[in-house]
Amino acid sequence: MAQNFLTTALRPELIKPRLQGTDKDTIIRELIEVLVSAGAISDRDAAEKAVFDREKTMSTGMENGIAIPHGKTDTVDSLIAAIGLKPEGVDFQCVDGQPARILILTLSPANRSGPHVRFMAGISKLLRDEETHARLLEADTPDAILHILTTPKN
């Protein structure tokens, strides 16, 4: 499910092994810049508005050092994602009070919820695995991160 999406849609240029931002807003902008730089989105302002509007409703900080900031916008035709790592963590108002270390920003079309819901469920399940989680935080290249996320465990 999430691994299938990651295998077909994620590219190394959508992965930033070491995020520089030190707060939630900066991290969100940094991940949106990853999407802009890779040519995955053309309307930075619409992307930022969608994600920040969603964050105002409720933080997208999950548990176990994971945050999945996301938004819906008519400026994308299908779900897109950028992944960044912040091994030292950043405050993302995660539900367990822990800092976020693995951050996945997604944008999806405003009129479709199915792919977004399936992706969120799949990626959450994948990152719940402690070994995968630990290996990701040690990875230091986009290719290594992509390999960890898209190679099924034996």
C-alpha atoms as a PDB file:
ATOM      1  CA  MET A   1       0.000   0.000   0.000  1.00  0.00           C
ATOM      2  CA  ALA A   2       2.283   2.817   1.183  1.00  0.00           C
ATOM      3  CA  GLN A   3       5.293   0.872  -0.036  1.00  0.00           C
ATOM      4  CA  ASN A   4       3.691   0.525  -3.479  1.00  0.00           C
ATOM      5  CA  PHE A   5       3.106   4.269  -3.620  1.00  0.00           C
ATOM      6  CA  LEU A   6       6.633   4.961  -2.416  1.00  0.00           C
ATOM      7  CA  THR A   7       8.112   2.568  -4.966  1.00  0.00           C
ATOM      8  CA  THR A   8       6.344   4.242  -7.880  1.00  0.00           C
ATOM      9  CA  ALA A   9       6.118   7.884  -6.801  1.00  0.00           C
ATOM     10  CA  LEU A  10       9.012   8.737  -4.523  1.00  0.00           C
ATOM     11  CA  ARG A  11      12.267   9.868  -6.050  1.00  0.00           C
ATOM     12  CA  PRO A  12      15.586  10.668  -4.368  1.00  0.00           C
ATOM     13  CA  GLU A  13      15.116  14.384  -5.060  1.00  0.00           C
ATOM     14  CA  LEU A  14      11.996  14.329  -2.844  1.00  0.00           C
ATOM     15  CA  ILE A  15      14.039  13.212   0.154  1.00  0.00           C
ATOM     16  CA  LYS A  16      16.112  15.438   2.419  1.00  0.00           C
ATOM     17  CA  PRO A  17      18.260  13.366   4.805  1.00  0.00           C
ATOM     18  CA  ARG A  18      19.058  16.256   7.126  1.00  0.00           C
ATOM     19  CA  LEU A  19      16.512  19.009   7.600  1.00  0.00           C
ATOM     20  CA  GLN A  20      17.955  22.331   8.726  1.00  0.00           C
ATOM     21  CA  GLY A  21      14.853  23.938  10.260  1.00  0.00           C
ATOM     22  CA  THR A  22      14.547  24.273  14.016  1.00  0.00           C
ATOM     23  CA  ASP A  23      10.787  24.745  14.348  1.00  0.00           C
ATOM     24  CA  LYS A  24       7.598  23.367  12.828  1.00  0.00           C
ATOM     25  CA  ASP A  25       6.932  26.233  10.397  1.00  0.00           C
ATOM     26  CA  THR A  26      10.484  26.248   9.049  1.00  0.00           C
ATOM     27  CA  ILE A  27      10.438  22.465   8.580  1.00  0.00           C
ATOM     28  CA  ILE A  28       7.135  22.654   6.656  1.00  0.00           C
ATOM     29  CA  ARG A  29       8.531  25.376   4.379  1.00  0.00           C
ATOM     30  CA  GLU A  30      11.731  23.365   3.891  1.00  0.00           C
ATOM     31  CA  LEU A  31       9.783  20.268   2.798  1.00  0.00           C
ATOM     32  CA  ILE A  32       7.621  22.345   0.456  1.00  0.00           C
ATOM     33  CA  GLU A  33      10.832  23.732  -1.046  1.00  0.00           C
ATOM     34  CA  VAL A  34      11.945  20.139  -1.674  1.00  0.00           C
ATOM     35  CA  LEU A  35       8.751  19.620  -3.713  1.00  0.00           C
ATOM     36  CA  VAL A  36       9.195  22.931  -5.566  1.00  0.00           C
ATOM     37  CA  SER A  37      12.870  22.261  -6.361  1.00  0.00           C
ATOM     38  CA  ALA A  38      12.017  18.800  -7.699  1.00  0.00           C
ATOM     39  CA  GLY A  39       9.320  20.250  -9.967  1.00  0.00           C
ATOM     40  CA  ALA A  40       6.611  18.310  -8.122  1.00  0.00           C
ATOM     41  CA  ILE A  41       4.563  21.459  -7.437  1.00  0.00           C
ATOM     42  CA  SER A  42       4.463  24.815  -9.116  1.00  0.00           C
ATOM     43  CA  ASP A  43       2.390  26.845  -6.647  1.00  0.00           C
ATOM     44  CA  ARG A  44       4.367  27.179  -3.418  1.00  0.00           C
ATOM     45  CA  ASP A  45       1.846  29.613  -1.904  1.00  0.00           C
ATOM     46  CA  ALA A  46      -1.114  27.276  -2.427  1.00  0.00           C
ATOM     47  CA  ALA A  47       0.875  24.368  -0.994  1.00  0.00           C
ATOM     48  CA  GLU A  48       1.893  26.349   2.087  1.00  0.00           C
ATOM     49  CA  LYS A  49      -1.657  27.589   2.617  1.00  0.00           C
ATOM     50  CA  ALA A  50      -3.075  24.050   2.422  1.00  0.00           C
ATOM     51  CA  VAL A  51      -0.569  22.636   4.909  1.00  0.00           C
ATOM     52  CA  PHE A  52      -0.622  25.554   7.356  1.00  0.00           C
ATOM     53  CA  ASP A  53      -4.443  25.692   7.289  1.00  0.00           C
ATOM     54  CA  ARG A  54      -4.486  22.003   8.205  1.00  0.00           C
ATOM     55  CA  GLU A  55      -1.934  22.548  11.010  1.00  0.00           C
ATOM     56  CA  LYS A  56      -4.161  25.277  12.505  1.00  0.00           C
ATOM     57  CA  THR A  57      -6.935  22.689  12.890  1.00  0.00           C
ATOM     58  CA  MET A  58      -4.750  20.184  14.733  1.00  0.00           C
ATOM     59  CA  SER A  59      -1.056  19.362  14.769  1.00  0.00           C
ATOM     60  CA  THR A  60      -0.010  16.539  12.466  1.00  0.00           C
ATOM     61  CA  GLY A  61       2.604  15.334  14.940  1.00  0.00           C
ATOM     62  CA  MET A  62       1.907  11.654  15.518  1.00  0.00           C
ATOM     63  CA  GLU A  63       3.711   9.327  17.940  1.00  0.00           C
ATOM     64  CA  ASN A  64       7.172   7.782  18.011  1.00  0.00           C
ATOM     65  CA  GLY A  65       8.940  10.765  16.470  1.00  0.00           C
ATOM     66  CA  ILE A  66       6.790  10.938  13.336  1.00  0.00           C
ATOM     67  CA  ALA A  67       4.998  13.950  11.877  1.00  0.00           C
ATOM     68  CA  ILE A  68       2.989  13.943   8.675  1.00  0.00           C
ATOM     69  CA  PRO A  69       2.093  17.522   7.814  1.00  0.00           C
ATOM     70  CA  HIS A  70      -0.379  17.462   4.966  1.00  0.00           C
ATOM     71  CA  GLY A  71      -2.919  19.429   3.022  1.00  0.00           C
ATOM     72  CA  LYS A  72      -5.380  19.241   0.184  1.00  0.00           C
ATOM     73  CA  THR A  73      -5.149  21.539  -2.791  1.00  0.00           C
ATOM     74  CA  ASP A  74      -6.397  21.753  -6.361  1.00  0.00           C
ATOM     75  CA  THR A  75      -2.854  22.506  -7.490  1.00  0.00           C
ATOM     76  CA  VAL A  76      -1.890  18.793  -7.478  1.00  0.00           C
ATOM     77  CA  ASP A  77      -3.398  16.019  -9.603  1.00  0.00           C
ATOM     78  CA  SER A  78      -2.316  13.155  -7.367  1.00  0.00           C
ATOM     79  CA  LEU A  79      -0.831  12.621  -3.936  1.00  0.00           C
ATOM     80  CA  ILE A  80       2.782  13.779  -3.648  1.00  0.00           C
ATOM     81  CA  ALA A  81       5.178  13.539  -0.735  1.00  0.00           C
ATOM     82  CA  ALA A  82       8.506  14.850   0.501  1.00  0.00           C
ATOM     83  CA  ILE A  83      10.422  13.125   3.280  1.00  0.00           C
ATOM     84  CA  GLY A  84      12.899  14.719   5.649  1.00  0.00           C
ATOM     85  CA  LEU A  85      14.834  13.541   8.672  1.00  0.00           C
ATOM     86  CA  LYS A  86      15.743  15.539  11.754  1.00  0.00           C
ATOM     87  CA  PRO A  87      17.588  13.010  13.982  1.00  0.00           C
ATOM     88  CA  GLU A  88      17.916  15.458  16.866  1.00  0.00           C
ATOM     89  CA  GLY A  89      14.179  16.140  16.680  1.00  0.00           C
ATOM     90  CA  VAL A  90      11.990  19.201  16.408  1.00  0.00           C
ATOM     91  CA  ASP A  91       8.917  20.188  18.427  1.00  0.00           C
ATOM     92  CA  PHE A  92       5.893  19.305  16.304  1.00  0.00           C
ATOM     93  CA  GLN A  93       3.340  19.052  19.110  1.00  0.00           C
ATOM     94  CA  CYS A  94       3.327  15.251  18.711  1.00  0.00           C
ATOM     95  CA  VAL A  95       0.550  13.494  20.635  1.00  0.00           C
ATOM     96  CA  ASP A  96       3.083  11.659  22.824  1.00  0.00           C
ATOM     97  CA  GLY A  97       5.005  14.866  23.609  1.00  0.00           C
ATOM     98  CA  GLN A  98       8.168  13.600  21.881  1.00  0.00           C
ATOM     99  CA  PRO A  99      10.029  15.588  19.193  1.00  0.00           C
ATOM    100  CA  ALA A 100       9.459  14.639  15.548  1.00  0.00           C
ATOM    101  CA  ARG A 101      12.429  13.055  13.773  1.00  0.00           C
ATOM    102  CA  ILE A 102      10.840  11.605  10.630  1.00  0.00           C
ATOM    103  CA  LEU A 103       8.753  14.134   8.733  1.00  0.00           C
ATOM    104  CA  ILE A 104       6.655  13.366   5.688  1.00  0.00           C
ATOM    105  CA  LEU A 105       4.822  16.221   4.013  1.00  0.00           C
ATOM    106  CA  THR A 106       2.007  15.222   1.675  1.00  0.00           C
ATOM    107  CA  LEU A 107      -0.267  17.149  -0.631  1.00  0.00           C
ATOM    108  CA  SER A 108      -3.271  15.587  -2.274  1.00  0.00           C
ATOM    109  CA  PRO A 109      -6.098  16.757  -4.552  1.00  0.00           C
ATOM    110  CA  ALA A 110      -8.852  18.598  -2.722  1.00  0.00           C
ATOM    111  CA  ASN A 111     -11.598  16.468  -4.224  1.00  0.00           C
ATOM    112  CA  ARG A 112     -10.190  12.991  -3.405  1.00  0.00           C
ATOM    113  CA  SER A 113      -9.717  11.448   0.021  1.00  0.00           C
ATOM    114  CA  GLY A 114      -9.124   7.755  -0.755  1.00  0.00           C
ATOM    115  CA  PRO A 115      -5.445   7.875  -1.794  1.00  0.00           C
ATOM    116  CA  HIS A 116      -4.614  10.250   1.052  1.00  0.00           C
ATOM    117  CA  VAL A 117      -6.249   8.071   3.723  1.00  0.00           C
ATOM    118  CA  ARG A 118      -4.624   4.880   2.359  1.00  0.00           C
ATOM    119  CA  PHE A 119      -1.212   6.544   2.206  1.00  0.00           C
ATOM    120  CA  MET A 120      -1.454   7.886   5.763  1.00  0.00           C
ATOM    121  CA  ALA A 121      -2.478   4.465   7.105  1.00  0.00           C
ATOM    122  CA  GLY A 122       0.220   2.641   5.144  1.00  0.00           C
ATOM    123  CA  ILE A 123       3.086   4.963   5.971  1.00  0.00           C
ATOM    124  CA  SER A 124       2.093   5.022   9.645  1.00  0.00           C
ATOM    125  CA  LYS A 125       2.135   1.219   9.743  1.00  0.00           C
ATOM    126  CA  LEU A 126       5.506   1.087   7.961  1.00  0.00           C
ATOM    127  CA  LEU A 127       7.090   3.591  10.359  1.00  0.00           C
ATOM    128  CA  ARG A 128       5.681   1.869  13.437  1.00  0.00           C
ATOM    129  CA  ASP A 129       8.279  -0.857  12.895  1.00  0.00           C
ATOM    130  CA  GLU A 130      11.114  -0.041  15.308  1.00  0.00           C
ATOM    131  CA  GLU A 131      13.849  -1.467  13.081  1.00  0.00           C
ATOM    132  CA  THR A 132      12.689   0.541  10.053  1.00  0.00           C
ATOM    133  CA  HIS A 133      12.425   3.649  12.222  1.00  0.00           C
ATOM    134  CA  ALA A 134      15.972   3.234  13.572  1.00  0.00           C
ATOM    135  CA  ARG A 135      17.464   2.453  10.150  1.00  0.00           C
ATOM    136  CA  LEU A 136      15.872   5.583   8.678  1.00  0.00           C
ATOM    137  CA  LEU A 137      17.363   7.836  11.321  1.00  0.00           C
ATOM    138  CA  GLU A 138      20.816   6.412  10.603  1.00  0.00           C
ATOM    139  CA  ALA A 139      20.488   6.795   6.819  1.00  0.00           C
ATOM    140  CA  ASP A 140      22.348   9.754   5.374  1.00  0.00           C
ATOM    141  CA  THR A 141      21.543   9.718   1.660  1.00  0.00           C
ATOM    142  CA  PRO A 142      18.271   9.957  -0.266  1.00  0.00           C
ATOM    143  CA  ASP A 143      19.010   6.629  -1.960  1.00  0.00           C
ATOM    144  CA  ALA A 144      19.533   4.875   1.388  1.00  0.00           C
ATOM    145  CA  ILE A 145      16.275   6.309   2.754  1.00  0.00           C
ATOM    146  CA  LEU A 146      14.399   5.325  -0.395  1.00  0.00           C
ATOM    147  CA  HIS A 147      15.790   1.791  -0.168  1.00  0.00           C
ATOM    148  CA  ILE A 148      14.686   1.414   3.463  1.00  0.00           C
ATOM    149  CA  LEU A 149      11.175   2.660   2.683  1.00  0.00           C
ATOM    150  CA  THR A 150      10.610   0.659  -0.485  1.00  0.00           C
ATOM    151  CA  THR A 151      12.304  -2.665   0.198  1.00  0.00           C
ATOM    152  CA  PRO A 152       9.981  -5.117   1.954  1.00  0.00           C
ATOM    153  CA  LYS A 153      11.405  -6.665   5.096  1.00  0.00           C
ATOM    154  CA  ASN A 154      12.188 -10.369   4.861  1.00  0.00           C
END
